[in-house]
C-alpha atoms as a PDB file:
ATOM      1  CA  MET A   1      -0.016   0.013  -0.002  1.00  0.00           C
ATOM      2  CA  ILE A   2       2.812   2.442   0.932  1.00  0.00           C
ATOM      3  CA  LYS A   3       4.593   1.650  -2.366  1.00  0.00           C
ATOM      4  CA  THR A   4       1.369   2.296  -4.342  1.00  0.00           C
ATOM      5  CA  VAL A   5       0.866   5.690  -2.549  1.00  0.00           C
ATOM      6  CA  ALA A   6       4.561   6.669  -3.163  1.00  0.00           C
ATOM      7  CA  LEU A   7       4.247   5.650  -6.844  1.00  0.00           C
ATOM      8  CA  ALA A   8       1.061   7.673  -7.218  1.00  0.00           C
ATOM      9  CA  ALA A   9       2.736  10.729  -5.634  1.00  0.00           C
ATOM     10  CA  LEU A  10       5.696  10.368  -7.881  1.00  0.00           C
ATOM     11  CA  LEU A  11       3.573  10.174 -11.012  1.00  0.00           C
ATOM     12  CA  ALA A  12       1.495  13.175  -9.881  1.00  0.00           C
ATOM     13  CA  ALA A  13       4.669  15.198  -9.377  1.00  0.00           C
ATOM     14  CA  ALA A  14       6.243  14.148 -12.776  1.00  0.00           C
ATOM     15  CA  PRO A  15       4.519  16.898 -14.763  1.00  0.00           C
ATOM     16  CA  LEU A  16       5.740  19.446 -12.289  1.00  0.00           C
ATOM     17  CA  ALA A  17       9.333  18.113 -12.683  1.00  0.00           C
ATOM     18  CA  LEU A  18       9.114  18.520 -16.427  1.00  0.00           C
ATOM     19  CA  LEU A  19       7.899  22.102 -16.076  1.00  0.00           C
ATOM     20  CA  ALA A  20      10.735  22.866 -13.725  1.00  0.00           C
ATOM     21  CA  GLU A  21      13.267  21.819 -16.364  1.00  0.00           C
ATOM     22  CA  GLY A  22      12.126  24.473 -18.764  1.00  0.00           C
ATOM     23  CA  LYS A  23      11.442  24.444 -22.396  1.00  0.00           C
ATOM     24  CA  THR A  24      13.652  25.118 -25.393  1.00  0.00           C
ATOM     25  CA  HIS A  25      12.388  27.617 -27.913  1.00  0.00           C
ATOM     26  CA  HIS A  26      13.638  27.548 -31.454  1.00  0.00           C
ATOM     27  CA  VAL A  27      13.569  30.848 -33.356  1.00  0.00           C
ATOM     28  CA  ALA A  28      14.523  31.788 -36.939  1.00  0.00           C
ATOM     29  CA  PHE A  29      15.130  35.403 -37.821  1.00  0.00           C
ATOM     30  CA  HIS A  30      14.795  36.456 -41.415  1.00  0.00           C
ATOM     31  CA  VAL A  31      17.167  39.338 -42.502  1.00  0.00           C
ATOM     32  CA  ASP A  32      16.969  40.607 -46.056  1.00  0.00           C
ATOM     33  CA  GLN A  33      17.542  44.342 -45.705  1.00  0.00           C
ATOM     34  CA  ASN A  34      20.747  46.272 -45.533  1.00  0.00           C
ATOM     35  CA  ASP A  35      19.360  48.782 -43.162  1.00  0.00           C
ATOM     36  CA  PRO A  36      21.356  49.393 -39.891  1.00  0.00           C
ATOM     37  CA  HIS A  37      18.081  50.086 -38.082  1.00  0.00           C
ATOM     38  CA  VAL A  38      16.658  46.784 -39.155  1.00  0.00           C
ATOM     39  CA  LEU A  39      19.849  44.867 -38.475  1.00  0.00           C
ATOM     40  CA  ASN A  40      20.087  46.363 -34.975  1.00  0.00           C
ATOM     41  CA  MET A  41      16.409  45.626 -34.334  1.00  0.00           C
ATOM     42  CA  ALA A  42      16.951  41.955 -35.256  1.00  0.00           C
ATOM     43  CA  LEU A  43      19.920  41.768 -32.890  1.00  0.00           C
ATOM     44  CA  ASN A  44      17.967  43.588 -30.159  1.00  0.00           C
ATOM     45  CA  ASN A  45      15.032  41.126 -30.633  1.00  0.00           C
ATOM     46  CA  ALA A  46      17.415  38.065 -30.296  1.00  0.00           C
ATOM     47  CA  LYS A  47      18.957  39.562 -27.202  1.00  0.00           C
ATOM     48  CA  ASN A  48      15.611  40.522 -25.599  1.00  0.00           C
ATOM     49  CA  LEU A  49      14.058  37.143 -26.457  1.00  0.00           C
ATOM     50  CA  THR A  50      16.994  35.274 -24.882  1.00  0.00           C
ATOM     51  CA  GLU A  51      16.770  37.389 -21.680  1.00  0.00           C
ATOM     52  CA  TYR A  52      13.043  36.858 -21.495  1.00  0.00           C
ATOM     53  CA  TYR A  53      13.143  33.111 -21.854  1.00  0.00           C
ATOM     54  CA  THR A  54      16.150  32.854 -19.503  1.00  0.00           C
ATOM     55  CA  GLU A  55      14.127  34.702 -16.784  1.00  0.00           C
ATOM     56  CA  GLN A  56      11.308  32.166 -17.363  1.00  0.00           C
ATOM     57  CA  GLY A  57      13.725  29.288 -16.804  1.00  0.00           C
ATOM     58  CA  ASP A  58      13.588  28.310 -20.473  1.00  0.00           C
ATOM     59  CA  GLU A  59      16.295  28.105 -23.180  1.00  0.00           C
ATOM     60  CA  VAL A  60      16.253  29.559 -26.666  1.00  0.00           C
ATOM     61  CA  LYS A  61      18.105  28.513 -29.796  1.00  0.00           C
ATOM     62  CA  ILE A  62      18.251  31.237 -32.467  1.00  0.00           C
ATOM     63  CA  GLU A  63      19.422  31.189 -36.091  1.00  0.00           C
ATOM     64  CA  MET A  64      19.627  34.445 -37.973  1.00  0.00           C
ATOM     65  CA  VAL A  65      19.428  33.873 -41.732  1.00  0.00           C
ATOM     66  CA  ALA A  66      20.748  36.670 -43.958  1.00  0.00           C
ATOM     67  CA  TYR A  67      20.373  36.875 -47.719  1.00  0.00           C
ATOM     68  CA  GLY A  68      20.034  39.429 -50.470  1.00  0.00           C
ATOM     69  CA  PRO A  69      20.842  42.937 -49.174  1.00  0.00           C
ATOM     70  CA  GLY A  70      20.661  41.565 -45.591  1.00  0.00           C
ATOM     71  CA  LEU A  71      23.862  39.626 -46.296  1.00  0.00           C
ATOM     72  CA  HIS A  72      25.860  42.830 -45.660  1.00  0.00           C
ATOM     73  CA  MET A  73      25.201  42.168 -42.026  1.00  0.00           C
ATOM     74  CA  LEU A  74      27.683  39.297 -42.228  1.00  0.00           C
ATOM     75  CA  ILE A  75      30.270  40.618 -44.718  1.00  0.00           C
ATOM     76  CA  GLU A  76      33.641  41.564 -43.328  1.00  0.00           C
ATOM     77  CA  GLY A  77      34.302  45.311 -43.916  1.00  0.00           C
ATOM     78  CA  LYS A  78      30.707  46.051 -44.881  1.00  0.00           C
ATOM     79  CA  SER A  79      28.818  44.995 -41.711  1.00  0.00           C
ATOM     80  CA  PRO A  80      27.355  47.987 -39.833  1.00  0.00           C
ATOM     81  CA  VAL A  81      26.771  45.692 -36.892  1.00  0.00           C
ATOM     82  CA  LYS A  82      30.046  43.729 -36.771  1.00  0.00           C
ATOM     83  CA  ASP A  83      30.863  44.706 -33.182  1.00  0.00           C
ATOM     84  CA  ARG A  84      27.483  43.721 -31.969  1.00  0.00           C
ATOM     85  CA  ILE A  85      27.561  40.390 -33.687  1.00  0.00           C
ATOM     86  CA  GLU A  86      30.951  39.632 -32.159  1.00  0.00           C
ATOM     87  CA  THR A  87      29.636  40.527 -28.748  1.00  0.00           C
ATOM     88  CA  LEU A  88      26.219  38.818 -28.954  1.00  0.00           C
ATOM     89  CA  SER A  89      27.696  35.641 -30.524  1.00  0.00           C
ATOM     90  CA  LEU A  90      29.556  35.197 -27.202  1.00  0.00           C
ATOM     91  CA  GLU A  91      26.528  36.044 -25.061  1.00  0.00           C
ATOM     92  CA  LEU A  92      23.679  34.345 -26.905  1.00  0.00           C
ATOM     93  CA  PRO A  93      22.866  30.833 -28.260  1.00  0.00           C
ATOM     94  CA  ILE A  94      22.815  32.180 -31.808  1.00  0.00           C
ATOM     95  CA  THR A  95      23.884  31.023 -35.230  1.00  0.00           C
ATOM     96  CA  PHE A  96      24.382  33.407 -38.113  1.00  0.00           C
ATOM     97  CA  SER A  97      23.699  31.768 -41.553  1.00  0.00           C
ATOM     98  CA  ALA A  98      24.803  33.466 -44.826  1.00  0.00           C
ATOM     99  CA  CYS A  99      23.075  32.626 -48.057  1.00  0.00           C
ATOM    100  CA  GLY A 100      25.416  30.882 -50.512  1.00  0.00           C
ATOM    101  CA  ASN A 101      23.304  31.985 -53.493  1.00  0.00           C
ATOM    102  CA  THR A 102      23.695  35.628 -52.516  1.00  0.00           C
ATOM    103  CA  ILE A 103      27.418  35.161 -52.035  1.00  0.00           C
ATOM    104  CA  ALA A 104      27.740  33.561 -55.499  1.00  0.00           C
ATOM    105  CA  GLY A 105      25.793  36.431 -57.014  1.00  0.00           C
ATOM    106  CA  ILE A 106      27.958  39.101 -55.373  1.00  0.00           C
ATOM    107  CA  GLU A 107      31.157  37.284 -56.417  1.00  0.00           C
ATOM    108  CA  LYS A 108      29.968  36.946 -60.000  1.00  0.00           C
ATOM    109  CA  LYS A 109      29.029  40.630 -60.161  1.00  0.00           C
ATOM    110  CA  THR A 110      32.191  41.931 -58.515  1.00  0.00           C
ATOM    111  CA  GLY A 111      34.725  39.340 -59.551  1.00  0.00           C
ATOM    112  CA  ALA A 112      36.055  39.303 -55.976  1.00  0.00           C
ATOM    113  CA  PRO A 113      35.573  36.827 -53.177  1.00  0.00           C
ATOM    114  CA  VAL A 114      33.241  37.586 -50.359  1.00  0.00           C
ATOM    115  CA  THR A 115      34.793  37.456 -46.921  1.00  0.00           C
ATOM    116  CA  LEU A 116      32.256  36.748 -44.105  1.00  0.00           C
ATOM    117  CA  LEU A 117      32.651  37.557 -40.426  1.00  0.00           C
ATOM    118  CA  GLU A 118      34.018  34.616 -38.569  1.00  0.00           C
ATOM    119  CA  GLU A 119      30.687  34.164 -36.737  1.00  0.00           C
ATOM    120  CA  ALA A 120      28.876  33.353 -40.003  1.00  0.00           C
ATOM    121  CA  GLN A 121      28.291  29.979 -41.516  1.00  0.00           C
ATOM    122  CA  VAL A 122      27.330  29.449 -45.147  1.00  0.00           C
ATOM    123  CA  VAL A 123      24.079  27.717 -46.105  1.00  0.00           C
ATOM    124  CA  THR A 124      23.261  26.876 -49.685  1.00  0.00           C
ATOM    125  CA  SER A 125      20.080  29.005 -49.857  1.00  0.00           C
ATOM    126  CA  GLY A 126      18.881  31.476 -47.215  1.00  0.00           C
ATOM    127  CA  VAL A 127      15.276  31.126 -48.347  1.00  0.00           C
ATOM    128  CA  ALA A 128      15.520  27.321 -48.255  1.00  0.00           C
ATOM    129  CA  ARG A 129      17.135  27.434 -44.833  1.00  0.00           C
ATOM    130  CA  LEU A 130      14.225  29.418 -43.439  1.00  0.00           C
ATOM    131  CA  VAL A 131      11.794  26.795 -44.872  1.00  0.00           C
ATOM    132  CA  GLU A 132      13.838  24.000 -43.315  1.00  0.00           C
ATOM    133  CA  LEU A 133      13.884  25.736 -39.927  1.00  0.00           C
ATOM    134  CA  GLN A 134      10.140  26.278 -39.994  1.00  0.00           C
ATOM    135  CA  GLU A 135       9.621  22.646 -40.913  1.00  0.00           C
ATOM    136  CA  GLU A 136      11.688  21.730 -37.895  1.00  0.00           C
ATOM    137  CA  GLY A 137       9.317  23.695 -35.709  1.00  0.00           C
ATOM    138  CA  TYR A 138      11.189  27.042 -35.465  1.00  0.00           C
ATOM    139  CA  SER A 139       9.161  30.169 -34.938  1.00  0.00           C
ATOM    140  CA  TYR A 140       9.683  32.740 -37.728  1.00  0.00           C
ATOM    141  CA  ILE A 141      10.511  36.325 -36.945  1.00  0.00           C
ATOM    142  CA  ARG A 142      11.027  39.099 -39.425  1.00  0.00           C
ATOM    143  CA  PRO A 143      12.085  42.304 -37.781  1.00  0.00           C
END
């Protein structure tokens, strides 16, 4: 009888234990504008979102996908937010993805290689990456 009561109490408390562990939120940011205001807003959103969920006891995983004019965010020597990216990449659980199609287009047009910030990773297609992330359950944010 005591074992049954203890087991029932344990099973009743299990959902509370799961809540105490927190939830992981997955968020995809879409950046396609070369506007310092928009770029800073995206970075502010990522930082504020992380702080909010951390205060709730949750975790957040963020991927910021840049393509088209937004790729300037991740180009060495052209990024108006380079310093912020360097700082936030150390503070936040964030990945910066650069569109390979956009890079190829810039290189073809200029005849020069594109050098990305060291925080950036190349994905084949920025648009396709956003689709993949949404199919994986990521929430979609466009600042």
